[in-house]
Amino acid sequence: MILVPLVEKAAEHITAVDEAWDNKMNLALSHVLGSSIQTALFNTPLVVMVGWGLRVPMDLNFEIFDAIVLILAILVVGNFLRDAKTDYLEGILCVFVYIIIAIAAFYYPSSH
């Protein structure tokens, strides 16, 4: 699940980097955020239906860890976008937040 969003929208990510390089930040941010929303809206129902097919309970009853990580990720991205401009440091910090979330999810104790 960590690599699916990266591979699925690779072309849009490259387009967003190209637009950011040309100093079209609003267009780059709309591509990135729109791509993220599309991925979330597609992958969530897909995972539930695959779970039904595999007879694995994949409902939308998220644990508190999942909800807190989602809220913190939204707050981090929102704070970076608040000033309507960005630089490479904020991009690197977003990547670090993504890596930290992946590591925390890997080491989070499973309830199964």
PDB file of N, CA and C in Angstrom:
ATOM      1  N   MET A   1       0.821  -1.210   0.000  1.00  0.00           N
ATOM      2  CA  MET A   1       0.000   0.000   0.000  1.00  0.00           C
ATOM      3  C   MET A   1       0.854   1.259   0.000  1.00  0.00           C
ATOM      4  N   ILE A   2       2.126   1.128   0.358  1.00  0.00           N
ATOM      5  CA  ILE A   2       2.992   2.304   0.346  1.00  0.00           C
ATOM      6  C   ILE A   2       3.369   2.672  -1.086  1.00  0.00           C
ATOM      7  N   LEU A   3       3.635   1.674  -1.925  1.00  0.00           N
ATOM      8  CA  LEU A   3       4.098   1.942  -3.280  1.00  0.00           C
ATOM      9  C   LEU A   3       2.976   2.137  -4.292  1.00  0.00           C
ATOM     10  N   VAL A   4       1.764   1.682  -3.993  1.00  0.00           N
ATOM     11  CA  VAL A   4       0.659   1.778  -4.956  1.00  0.00           C
ATOM     12  C   VAL A   4       0.397   3.219  -5.383  1.00  0.00           C
ATOM     13  N   PRO A   5       0.271   4.181  -4.451  1.00  0.00           N
ATOM     14  CA  PRO A   5       0.024   5.554  -4.900  1.00  0.00           C
ATOM     15  C   PRO A   5       1.169   6.135  -5.723  1.00  0.00           C
ATOM     16  N   LEU A   6       2.395   5.753  -5.421  1.00  0.00           N
ATOM     17  CA  LEU A   6       3.530   6.280  -6.177  1.00  0.00           C
ATOM     18  C   LEU A   6       3.541   5.759  -7.605  1.00  0.00           C
ATOM     19  N   VAL A   7       3.298   4.469  -7.769  1.00  0.00           N
ATOM     20  CA  VAL A   7       3.335   3.868  -9.098  1.00  0.00           C
ATOM     21  C   VAL A   7       2.093   4.248  -9.893  1.00  0.00           C
ATOM     22  N   GLU A   8       0.959   4.290  -9.227  1.00  0.00           N
ATOM     23  CA  GLU A   8      -0.309   4.535  -9.911  1.00  0.00           C
ATOM     24  C   GLU A   8      -0.351   5.911 -10.559  1.00  0.00           C
ATOM     25  N   LYS A   9       0.198   6.899  -9.923  1.00  0.00           N
ATOM     26  CA  LYS A   9       0.120   8.270 -10.422  1.00  0.00           C
ATOM     27  C   LYS A   9       1.493   8.841 -10.777  1.00  0.00           C
ATOM     28  N   ALA A  10       2.404   8.005 -11.232  1.00  0.00           N
ATOM     29  CA  ALA A  10       3.772   8.442 -11.521  1.00  0.00           C
ATOM     30  C   ALA A  10       3.801   9.544 -12.578  1.00  0.00           C
ATOM     31  N   ALA A  11       2.997   9.429 -13.616  1.00  0.00           N
ATOM     32  CA  ALA A  11       2.988  10.436 -14.677  1.00  0.00           C
ATOM     33  C   ALA A  11       2.519  11.792 -14.150  1.00  0.00           C
ATOM     34  N   GLU A  12       1.509  11.778 -13.286  1.00  0.00           N
ATOM     35  CA  GLU A  12       1.030  13.047 -12.724  1.00  0.00           C
ATOM     36  C   GLU A  12       2.058  13.667 -11.794  1.00  0.00           C
ATOM     37  N   HIS A  13       2.800  12.834 -11.076  1.00  0.00           N
ATOM     38  CA  HIS A  13       3.850  13.368 -10.215  1.00  0.00           C
ATOM     39  C   HIS A  13       4.949  14.018 -11.046  1.00  0.00           C
ATOM     40  N   ILE A  14       5.317  13.402 -12.151  1.00  0.00           N
ATOM     41  CA  ILE A  14       6.342  13.983 -13.023  1.00  0.00           C
ATOM     42  C   ILE A  14       5.835  15.292 -13.627  1.00  0.00           C
ATOM     43  N   THR A  15       4.571  15.327 -14.010  1.00  0.00           N
ATOM     44  CA  THR A  15       3.983  16.560 -14.538  1.00  0.00           C
ATOM     45  C   THR A  15       3.992  17.662 -13.485  1.00  0.00           C
ATOM     46  N   ALA A  16       3.674  17.313 -12.251  1.00  0.00           N
ATOM     47  CA  ALA A  16       3.673  18.310 -11.180  1.00  0.00           C
ATOM     48  C   ALA A  16       5.081  18.845 -10.922  1.00  0.00           C
ATOM     49  N   VAL A  17       6.081  17.988 -10.976  1.00  0.00           N
ATOM     50  CA  VAL A  17       7.462  18.448 -10.792  1.00  0.00           C
ATOM     51  C   VAL A  17       7.853  19.384 -11.932  1.00  0.00           C
ATOM     52  N   ASP A  18       7.466  19.056 -13.160  1.00  0.00           N
ATOM     53  CA  ASP A  18       7.765  19.916 -14.300  1.00  0.00           C
ATOM     54  C   ASP A  18       7.090  21.279 -14.159  1.00  0.00           C
ATOM     55  N   GLU A  19       5.834  21.293 -13.705  1.00  0.00           N
ATOM     56  CA  GLU A  19       5.126  22.554 -13.512  1.00  0.00           C
ATOM     57  C   GLU A  19       5.750  23.372 -12.384  1.00  0.00           C
ATOM     58  N   ALA A  20       6.171  22.703 -11.335  1.00  0.00           N
ATOM     59  CA  ALA A  20       6.839  23.416 -10.247  1.00  0.00           C
ATOM     60  C   ALA A  20       8.169  23.996 -10.720  1.00  0.00           C
ATOM     61  N   TRP A  21       8.867  23.261 -11.581  1.00  0.00           N
ATOM     62  CA  TRP A  21      10.143  23.749 -12.126  1.00  0.00           C
ATOM     63  C   TRP A  21       9.925  25.016 -12.957  1.00  0.00           C
ATOM     64  N   ASP A  22       8.767  25.085 -13.648  1.00  0.00           N
ATOM     65  CA  ASP A  22       8.423  26.256 -14.456  1.00  0.00           C
ATOM     66  C   ASP A  22       7.768  27.358 -13.631  1.00  0.00           C
ATOM     67  N   ASN A  23       7.782  27.220 -12.306  1.00  0.00           N
ATOM     68  CA  ASN A  23       7.242  28.207 -11.360  1.00  0.00           C
ATOM     69  C   ASN A  23       5.728  28.393 -11.512  1.00  0.00           C
ATOM     70  N   LYS A  24       5.026  27.307 -11.809  1.00  0.00           N
ATOM     71  CA  LYS A  24       3.562  27.301 -11.866  1.00  0.00           C
ATOM     72  C   LYS A  24       3.062  26.507 -10.658  1.00  0.00           C
ATOM     73  N   MET A  25       3.231  27.074  -9.473  1.00  0.00           N
ATOM     74  CA  MET A  25       2.982  26.340  -8.239  1.00  0.00           C
ATOM     75  C   MET A  25       1.510  25.984  -8.043  1.00  0.00           C
ATOM     76  N   ASN A  26       0.606  26.886  -8.409  1.00  0.00           N
ATOM     77  CA  ASN A  26      -0.810  26.571  -8.230  1.00  0.00           C
ATOM     78  C   ASN A  26      -1.222  25.366  -9.064  1.00  0.00           C
ATOM     79  N   LEU A  27      -0.722  25.318 -10.292  1.00  0.00           N
ATOM     80  CA  LEU A  27      -1.039  24.186 -11.158  1.00  0.00           C
ATOM     81  C   LEU A  27      -0.400  22.899 -10.643  1.00  0.00           C
ATOM     82  N   ALA A  28       0.836  22.990 -10.162  1.00  0.00           N
ATOM     83  CA  ALA A  28       1.520  21.813  -9.613  1.00  0.00           C
ATOM     84  C   ALA A  28       0.802  21.287  -8.373  1.00  0.00           C
ATOM     85  N   LEU A  29       0.412  22.192  -7.486  1.00  0.00           N
ATOM     86  CA  LEU A  29      -0.293  21.767  -6.269  1.00  0.00           C
ATOM     87  C   LEU A  29      -1.655  21.169  -6.590  1.00  0.00           C
ATOM     88  N   SER A  30      -2.345  21.725  -7.587  1.00  0.00           N
ATOM     89  CA  SER A  30      -3.645  21.150  -7.941  1.00  0.00           C
ATOM     90  C   SER A  30      -3.476  19.744  -8.527  1.00  0.00           C
ATOM     91  N   HIS A  31      -2.414  19.515  -9.292  1.00  0.00           N
ATOM     92  CA  HIS A  31      -2.160  18.170  -9.806  1.00  0.00           C
ATOM     93  C   HIS A  31      -1.861  17.190  -8.674  1.00  0.00           C
ATOM     94  N   VAL A  32      -1.018  17.598  -7.751  1.00  0.00           N
ATOM     95  CA  VAL A  32      -0.620  16.705  -6.660  1.00  0.00           C
ATOM     96  C   VAL A  32      -1.796  16.403  -5.745  1.00  0.00           C
ATOM     97  N   LEU A  33      -2.511  17.432  -5.323  1.00  0.00           N
ATOM     98  CA  LEU A  33      -3.621  17.203  -4.394  1.00  0.00           C
ATOM     99  C   LEU A  33      -4.787  16.487  -5.077  1.00  0.00           C
ATOM    100  N   GLY A  34      -5.065  16.831  -6.318  1.00  0.00           N
ATOM    101  CA  GLY A  34      -6.111  16.128  -7.050  1.00  0.00           C
ATOM    102  C   GLY A  34      -5.768  14.658  -7.252  1.00  0.00           C
ATOM    103  N   SER A  35      -4.505  14.398  -7.544  1.00  0.00           N
ATOM    104  CA  SER A  35      -4.054  13.020  -7.708  1.00  0.00           C
ATOM    105  C   SER A  35      -4.190  12.237  -6.414  1.00  0.00           C
ATOM    106  N   SER A  36      -3.847  12.857  -5.307  1.00  0.00           N
ATOM    107  CA  SER A  36      -3.959  12.188  -4.007  1.00  0.00           C
ATOM    108  C   SER A  36      -5.412  11.875  -3.665  1.00  0.00           C
ATOM    109  N   ILE A  37      -6.289  12.805  -3.942  1.00  0.00           N
ATOM    110  CA  ILE A  37      -7.713  12.581  -3.654  1.00  0.00           C
ATOM    111  C   ILE A  37      -8.263  11.468  -4.541  1.00  0.00           C
ATOM    112  N   GLN A  38      -7.883  11.468  -5.827  1.00  0.00           N
ATOM    113  CA  GLN A  38      -8.335  10.403  -6.728  1.00  0.00           C
ATOM    114  C   GLN A  38      -7.843   9.041  -6.268  1.00  0.00           C
ATOM    115  N   THR A  39      -6.603   8.975  -5.836  1.00  0.00           N
ATOM    116  CA  THR A  39      -6.048   7.712  -5.369  1.00  0.00           C
ATOM    117  C   THR A  39      -6.796   7.217  -4.142  1.00  0.00           C
ATOM    118  N   ALA A  40      -7.056   8.102  -3.200  1.00  0.00           N
ATOM    119  CA  ALA A  40      -7.775   7.703  -1.987  1.00  0.00           C
ATOM    120  C   ALA A  40      -9.195   7.248  -2.307  1.00  0.00           C
ATOM    121  N   LEU A  41      -9.869   7.962  -3.196  1.00  0.00           N
ATOM    122  CA  LEU A  41     -11.247   7.602  -3.533  1.00  0.00           C
ATOM    123  C   LEU A  41     -11.328   6.324  -4.362  1.00  0.00           C
ATOM    124  N   PHE A  42     -10.264   5.956  -5.051  1.00  0.00           N
ATOM    125  CA  PHE A  42     -10.261   4.712  -5.825  1.00  0.00           C
ATOM    126  C   PHE A  42      -9.793   3.535  -4.981  1.00  0.00           C
ATOM    127  N   ASN A  43      -8.726   3.713  -4.229  1.00  0.00           N
ATOM    128  CA  ASN A  43      -8.121   2.590  -3.511  1.00  0.00           C
ATOM    129  C   ASN A  43      -8.943   2.114  -2.326  1.00  0.00           C
ATOM    130  N   THR A  44      -9.635   2.997  -1.644  1.00  0.00           N
ATOM    131  CA  THR A  44     -10.402   2.582  -0.473  1.00  0.00           C
ATOM    132  C   THR A  44     -11.503   1.593  -0.833  1.00  0.00           C
ATOM    133  N   PRO A  45     -12.384   1.899  -1.784  1.00  0.00           N
ATOM    134  CA  PRO A  45     -13.393   0.891  -2.145  1.00  0.00           C
ATOM    135  C   PRO A  45     -12.780  -0.367  -2.769  1.00  0.00           C
ATOM    136  N   LEU A  46     -11.681  -0.206  -3.510  1.00  0.00           N
ATOM    137  CA  LEU A  46     -11.026  -1.360  -4.123  1.00  0.00           C
ATOM    138  C   LEU A  46     -10.510  -2.328  -3.068  1.00  0.00           C
ATOM    139  N   VAL A  47      -9.887  -1.812  -2.025  1.00  0.00           N
ATOM    140  CA  VAL A  47      -9.371  -2.665  -0.950  1.00  0.00           C
ATOM    141  C   VAL A  47     -10.517  -3.381  -0.244  1.00  0.00           C
ATOM    142  N   VAL A  48     -11.633  -2.698  -0.025  1.00  0.00           N
ATOM    143  CA  VAL A  48     -12.788  -3.325   0.623  1.00  0.00           C
ATOM    144  C   VAL A  48     -13.335  -4.459  -0.238  1.00  0.00           C
ATOM    145  N   MET A  49     -13.449  -4.237  -1.555  1.00  0.00           N
ATOM    146  CA  MET A  49     -13.989  -5.284  -2.430  1.00  0.00           C
ATOM    147  C   MET A  49     -13.026  -6.471  -2.567  1.00  0.00           C
ATOM    148  N   VAL A  50     -11.725  -6.196  -2.622  1.00  0.00           N
ATOM    149  CA  VAL A  50     -10.755  -7.292  -2.663  1.00  0.00           C
ATOM    150  C   VAL A  50     -10.812  -8.087  -1.361  1.00  0.00           C
ATOM    151  N   GLY A  51     -10.988  -7.391  -0.243  1.00  0.00           N
ATOM    152  CA  GLY A  51     -11.141  -8.070   1.049  1.00  0.00           C
ATOM    153  C   GLY A  51     -12.361  -8.971   1.074  1.00  0.00           C
ATOM    154  N   TRP A  52     -13.459  -8.519   0.470  1.00  0.00           N
ATOM    155  CA  TRP A  52     -14.650  -9.362   0.388  1.00  0.00           C
ATOM    156  C   TRP A  52     -14.346 -10.621  -0.418  1.00  0.00           C
ATOM    157  N   GLY A  53     -13.638 -10.463  -1.528  1.00  0.00           N
ATOM    158  CA  GLY A  53     -13.309 -11.608  -2.379  1.00  0.00           C
ATOM    159  C   GLY A  53     -12.383 -12.596  -1.684  1.00  0.00           C
ATOM    160  N   LEU A  54     -11.471 -12.096  -0.861  1.00  0.00           N
ATOM    161  CA  LEU A  54     -10.527 -12.961  -0.142  1.00  0.00           C
ATOM    162  C   LEU A  54     -11.059 -13.406   1.220  1.00  0.00           C
ATOM    163  N   ARG A  55     -12.258 -12.964   1.552  1.00  0.00           N
ATOM    164  CA  ARG A  55     -12.905 -13.268   2.835  1.00  0.00           C
ATOM    165  C   ARG A  55     -12.065 -12.763   4.018  1.00  0.00           C
ATOM    166  N   VAL A  56     -11.498 -11.579   3.817  1.00  0.00           N
ATOM    167  CA  VAL A  56     -10.742 -10.893   4.869  1.00  0.00           C
ATOM    168  C   VAL A  56     -11.556  -9.664   5.261  1.00  0.00           C
ATOM    169  N   PRO A  57     -11.824  -9.477   6.549  1.00  0.00           N
ATOM    170  CA  PRO A  57     -12.646  -8.322   6.944  1.00  0.00           C
ATOM    171  C   PRO A  57     -11.892  -7.005   6.730  1.00  0.00           C
ATOM    172  N   MET A  58     -12.240  -6.311   5.664  1.00  0.00           N
ATOM    173  CA  MET A  58     -11.619  -5.016   5.344  1.00  0.00           C
ATOM    174  C   MET A  58     -12.722  -3.959   5.369  1.00  0.00           C
ATOM    175  N   ASP A  59     -13.176  -3.614   6.549  1.00  0.00           N
ATOM    176  CA  ASP A  59     -14.218  -2.607   6.642  1.00  0.00           C
ATOM    177  C   ASP A  59     -13.582  -1.226   6.788  1.00  0.00           C
ATOM    178  N   LEU A  60     -14.387  -0.213   6.896  1.00  0.00           N
ATOM    179  CA  LEU A  60     -13.896   1.157   7.038  1.00  0.00           C
ATOM    180  C   LEU A  60     -13.904   1.620   8.491  1.00  0.00           C
ATOM    181  N   ASN A  61     -13.844   0.671   9.401  1.00  0.00           N
ATOM    182  CA  ASN A  61     -13.768   0.973  10.828  1.00  0.00           C
ATOM    183  C   ASN A  61     -12.292   1.137  11.194  1.00  0.00           C
ATOM    184  N   PHE A  62     -11.798   2.373  11.074  1.00  0.00           N
ATOM    185  CA  PHE A  62     -10.378   2.628  11.272  1.00  0.00           C
ATOM    186  C   PHE A  62     -10.027   2.688  12.755  1.00  0.00           C
ATOM    187  N   GLU A  63      -8.821   2.246  13.069  1.00  0.00           N
ATOM    188  CA  GLU A  63      -8.319   2.354  14.440  1.00  0.00           C
ATOM    189  C   GLU A  63      -7.947   3.801  14.726  1.00  0.00           C
ATOM    190  N   ILE A  64      -7.735   4.099  15.978  1.00  0.00           N
ATOM    191  CA  ILE A  64      -7.393   5.465  16.376  1.00  0.00           C
ATOM    192  C   ILE A  64      -6.050   5.881  15.771  1.00  0.00           C
ATOM    193  N   PHE A  65      -5.111   4.947  15.638  1.00  0.00           N
ATOM    194  CA  PHE A  65      -3.817   5.251  15.025  1.00  0.00           C
ATOM    195  C   PHE A  65      -3.997   5.749  13.591  1.00  0.00           C
ATOM    196  N   ASP A  66      -4.841   5.078  12.813  1.00  0.00           N
ATOM    197  CA  ASP A  66      -5.071   5.467  11.424  1.00  0.00           C
ATOM    198  C   ASP A  66      -5.689   6.865  11.336  1.00  0.00           C
ATOM    199  N   ALA A  67      -6.649   7.131  12.202  1.00  0.00           N
ATOM    200  CA  ALA A  67      -7.306   8.435  12.181  1.00  0.00           C
ATOM    201  C   ALA A  67      -6.343   9.552  12.575  1.00  0.00           C
ATOM    202  N   ILE A  68      -5.522   9.318  13.587  1.00  0.00           N
ATOM    203  CA  ILE A  68      -4.570  10.341  14.026  1.00  0.00           C
ATOM    204  C   ILE A  68      -3.520  10.601  12.954  1.00  0.00           C
ATOM    205  N   VAL A  69      -3.012   9.544  12.317  1.00  0.00           N
ATOM    206  CA  VAL A  69      -2.021   9.723  11.254  1.00  0.00           C
ATOM    207  C   VAL A  69      -2.618  10.506  10.092  1.00  0.00           C
ATOM    208  N   LEU A  70      -3.850  10.221   9.727  1.00  0.00           N
ATOM    209  CA  LEU A  70      -4.502  10.952   8.641  1.00  0.00           C
ATOM    210  C   LEU A  70      -4.666  12.426   8.991  1.00  0.00           C
ATOM    211  N   ILE A  71      -5.117  12.709  10.195  1.00  0.00           N
ATOM    212  CA  ILE A  71      -5.302  14.101  10.615  1.00  0.00           C
ATOM    213  C   ILE A  71      -3.968  14.837  10.664  1.00  0.00           C
ATOM    214  N   LEU A  72      -2.924  14.203  11.184  1.00  0.00           N
ATOM    215  CA  LEU A  72      -1.616  14.844  11.242  1.00  0.00           C
ATOM    216  C   LEU A  72      -1.052  15.094   9.844  1.00  0.00           C
ATOM    217  N   ALA A  73      -1.255  14.170   8.922  1.00  0.00           N
ATOM    218  CA  ALA A  73      -0.780  14.371   7.546  1.00  0.00           C
ATOM    219  C   ALA A  73      -1.506  15.543   6.890  1.00  0.00           C
ATOM    220  N   ILE A  74      -2.804  15.646   7.126  1.00  0.00           N
ATOM    221  CA  ILE A  74      -3.570  16.773   6.576  1.00  0.00           C
ATOM    222  C   ILE A  74      -3.081  18.087   7.168  1.00  0.00           C
ATOM    223  N   LEU A  75      -2.804  18.110   8.465  1.00  0.00           N
ATOM    224  CA  LEU A  75      -2.308  19.334   9.096  1.00  0.00           C
ATOM    225  C   LEU A  75      -0.931  19.737   8.572  1.00  0.00           C
ATOM    226  N   VAL A  76      -0.056  18.768   8.373  1.00  0.00           N
ATOM    227  CA  VAL A  76       1.288  19.079   7.858  1.00  0.00           C
ATOM    228  C   VAL A  76       1.193  19.672   6.462  1.00  0.00           C
ATOM    229  N   VAL A  77       0.454  19.032   5.566  1.00  0.00           N
ATOM    230  CA  VAL A  77       0.325  19.540   4.201  1.00  0.00           C
ATOM    231  C   VAL A  77      -0.389  20.895   4.200  1.00  0.00           C
ATOM    232  N   GLY A  78      -1.411  21.043   5.017  1.00  0.00           N
ATOM    233  CA  GLY A  78      -2.125  22.320   5.098  1.00  0.00           C
ATOM    234  C   GLY A  78      -1.238  23.451   5.569  1.00  0.00           C
ATOM    235  N   ASN A  79      -0.371  23.185   6.535  1.00  0.00           N
ATOM    236  CA  ASN A  79       0.543  24.224   6.996  1.00  0.00           C
ATOM    237  C   ASN A  79       1.576  24.587   5.942  1.00  0.00           C
ATOM    238  N   PHE A  80       2.011  23.612   5.147  1.00  0.00           N
ATOM    239  CA  PHE A  80       2.958  23.917   4.076  1.00  0.00           C
ATOM    240  C   PHE A  80       2.306  24.737   2.965  1.00  0.00           C
ATOM    241  N   LEU A  81       1.020  24.510   2.717  1.00  0.00           N
ATOM    242  CA  LEU A  81       0.334  25.199   1.626  1.00  0.00           C
ATOM    243  C   LEU A  81      -0.290  26.529   2.039  1.00  0.00           C
ATOM    244  N   ARG A  82      -0.281  26.826   3.305  1.00  0.00           N
ATOM    245  CA  ARG A  82      -0.967  28.021   3.800  1.00  0.00           C
ATOM    246  C   ARG A  82      -0.404  29.311   3.220  1.00  0.00           C
ATOM    247  N   ASP A  83       0.909  29.396   3.024  1.00  0.00           N
ATOM    248  CA  ASP A  83       1.504  30.635   2.531  1.00  0.00           C
ATOM    249  C   ASP A  83       1.493  30.741   1.005  1.00  0.00           C
ATOM    250  N   ALA A  84       0.937  29.752   0.313  1.00  0.00           N
ATOM    251  CA  ALA A  84       0.765  29.736  -1.148  1.00  0.00           C
ATOM    252  C   ALA A  84       2.074  29.760  -1.919  1.00  0.00           C
ATOM    253  N   LYS A  85       3.160  29.400  -1.272  1.00  0.00           N
ATOM    254  CA  LYS A  85       4.438  29.235  -1.970  1.00  0.00           C
ATOM    255  C   LYS A  85       5.212  28.143  -1.256  1.00  0.00           C
ATOM    256  N   THR A  86       6.118  27.542  -1.970  1.00  0.00           N
ATOM    257  CA  THR A  86       6.859  26.434  -1.396  1.00  0.00           C
ATOM    258  C   THR A  86       8.264  26.401  -1.977  1.00  0.00           C
ATOM    259  N   ASP A  87       9.105  25.576  -1.400  1.00  0.00           N
ATOM    260  CA  ASP A  87      10.457  25.394  -1.901  1.00  0.00           C
ATOM    261  C   ASP A  87      10.853  23.937  -1.706  1.00  0.00           C
ATOM    262  N   TYR A  88      12.077  23.619  -2.059  1.00  0.00           N
ATOM    263  CA  TYR A  88      12.514  22.226  -1.996  1.00  0.00           C
ATOM    264  C   TYR A  88      12.513  21.685  -0.568  1.00  0.00           C
ATOM    265  N   LEU A  89      12.759  22.544   0.425  1.00  0.00           N
ATOM    266  CA  LEU A  89      12.798  22.091   1.811  1.00  0.00           C
ATOM    267  C   LEU A  89      11.436  21.567   2.264  1.00  0.00           C
ATOM    268  N   GLU A  90      10.373  22.271   1.915  1.00  0.00           N
ATOM    269  CA  GLU A  90       9.036  21.805   2.287  1.00  0.00           C
ATOM    270  C   GLU A  90       8.703  20.497   1.573  1.00  0.00           C
ATOM    271  N   GLY A  91       9.154  20.337   0.339  1.00  0.00           N
ATOM    272  CA  GLY A  91       8.950  19.085  -0.374  1.00  0.00           C
ATOM    273  C   GLY A  91       9.683  17.933   0.286  1.00  0.00           C
ATOM    274  N   ILE A  92      10.922  18.188   0.701  1.00  0.00           N
ATOM    275  CA  ILE A  92      11.691  17.145   1.389  1.00  0.00           C
ATOM    276  C   ILE A  92      11.041  16.810   2.726  1.00  0.00           C
ATOM    277  N   LEU A  93      10.532  17.803   3.418  1.00  0.00           N
ATOM    278  CA  LEU A  93       9.849  17.542   4.692  1.00  0.00           C
ATOM    279  C   LEU A  93       8.585  16.713   4.484  1.00  0.00           C
ATOM    280  N   CYS A  94       7.852  16.948   3.397  1.00  0.00           N
ATOM    281  CA  CYS A  94       6.673  16.120   3.097  1.00  0.00           C
ATOM    282  C   CYS A  94       7.079  14.673   2.832  1.00  0.00           C
ATOM    283  N   VAL A  95       8.192  14.480   2.128  1.00  0.00           N
ATOM    284  CA  VAL A  95       8.683  13.122   1.881  1.00  0.00           C
ATOM    285  C   VAL A  95       9.084  12.457   3.198  1.00  0.00           C
ATOM    286  N   PHE A  96       9.742  13.211   4.087  1.00  0.00           N
ATOM    287  CA  PHE A  96      10.121  12.664   5.398  1.00  0.00           C
ATOM    288  C   PHE A  96       8.892  12.294   6.221  1.00  0.00           C
ATOM    289  N   VAL A  97       7.847  13.099   6.166  1.00  0.00           N
ATOM    290  CA  VAL A  97       6.607  12.777   6.882  1.00  0.00           C
ATOM    291  C   VAL A  97       6.015  11.479   6.322  1.00  0.00           C
ATOM    292  N   TYR A  98       6.055  11.304   5.013  1.00  0.00           N
ATOM    293  CA  TYR A  98       5.565  10.080   4.373  1.00  0.00           C
ATOM    294  C   TYR A  98       6.361   8.867   4.853  1.00  0.00           C
ATOM    295  N   ILE A  99       7.677   9.023   4.932  1.00  0.00           N
ATOM    296  CA  ILE A  99       8.539   7.927   5.391  1.00  0.00           C
ATOM    297  C   ILE A  99       8.281   7.615   6.858  1.00  0.00           C
ATOM    298  N   ILE A 100       8.111   8.638   7.684  1.00  0.00           N
ATOM    299  CA  ILE A 100       7.836   8.439   9.107  1.00  0.00           C
ATOM    300  C   ILE A 100       6.509   7.712   9.303  1.00  0.00           C
ATOM    301  N   ILE A 101       5.496   8.085   8.522  1.00  0.00           N
ATOM    302  CA  ILE A 101       4.200   7.411   8.616  1.00  0.00           C
ATOM    303  C   ILE A 101       4.336   5.942   8.203  1.00  0.00           C
ATOM    304  N   ALA A 102       5.112   5.673   7.148  1.00  0.00           N
ATOM    305  CA  ALA A 102       5.307   4.290   6.701  1.00  0.00           C
ATOM    306  C   ALA A 102       6.022   3.470   7.769  1.00  0.00           C
ATOM    307  N   ILE A 103       7.044   4.029   8.400  1.00  0.00           N
ATOM    308  CA  ILE A 103       7.774   3.314   9.449  1.00  0.00           C
ATOM    309  C   ILE A 103       6.881   3.087  10.671  1.00  0.00           C
ATOM    310  N   ALA A 104       6.122   4.105  11.055  1.00  0.00           N
ATOM    311  CA  ALA A 104       5.218   3.959  12.204  1.00  0.00           C
ATOM    312  C   ALA A 104       4.152   2.906  11.935  1.00  0.00           C
ATOM    313  N   ALA A 105       3.625   2.869  10.709  1.00  0.00           N
ATOM    314  CA  ALA A 105       2.614   1.852  10.378  1.00  0.00           C
ATOM    315  C   ALA A 105       3.226   0.454  10.356  1.00  0.00           C
ATOM    316  N   PHE A 106       4.496   0.350   9.962  1.00  0.00           N
ATOM    317  CA  PHE A 106       5.149  -0.952   9.934  1.00  0.00           C
ATOM    318  C   PHE A 106       5.343  -1.494  11.354  1.00  0.00           C
ATOM    319  N   TYR A 107       5.730  -0.639  12.273  1.00  0.00           N
ATOM    320  CA  TYR A 107       6.005  -1.074  13.626  1.00  0.00           C
ATOM    321  C   TYR A 107       4.805  -1.005  14.576  1.00  0.00           C
ATOM    322  N   TYR A 108       3.693  -0.456  14.104  1.00  0.00           N
ATOM    323  CA  TYR A 108       2.500  -0.380  14.940  1.00  0.00           C
ATOM    324  C   TYR A 108       1.998  -1.810  15.219  1.00  0.00           C
ATOM    325  N   PRO A 109       1.725  -2.143  16.469  1.00  0.00           N
ATOM    326  CA  PRO A 109       1.292  -3.525  16.752  1.00  0.00           C
ATOM    327  C   PRO A 109      -0.065  -3.838  16.130  1.00  0.00           C
ATOM    328  N   SER A 110      -0.124  -4.976  15.511  1.00  0.00           N
ATOM    329  CA  SER A 110      -1.345  -5.421  14.854  1.00  0.00           C
ATOM    330  C   SER A 110      -2.328  -5.948  15.901  1.00  0.00           C
ATOM    331  N   SER A 111      -3.620  -5.749  15.616  1.00  0.00           N
ATOM    332  CA  SER A 111      -4.635  -6.253  16.552  1.00  0.00           C
ATOM    333  C   SER A 111      -5.009  -7.698  16.255  1.00  0.00           C
ATOM    334  N   HIS A 112      -4.407  -8.306  15.220  1.00  0.00           N
ATOM    335  CA  HIS A 112      -4.737  -9.704  14.860  1.00  0.00           C
ATOM    336  C   HIS A 112      -3.842 -10.663  15.565  1.00  0.00           C
TER     337      HIS A 112
END
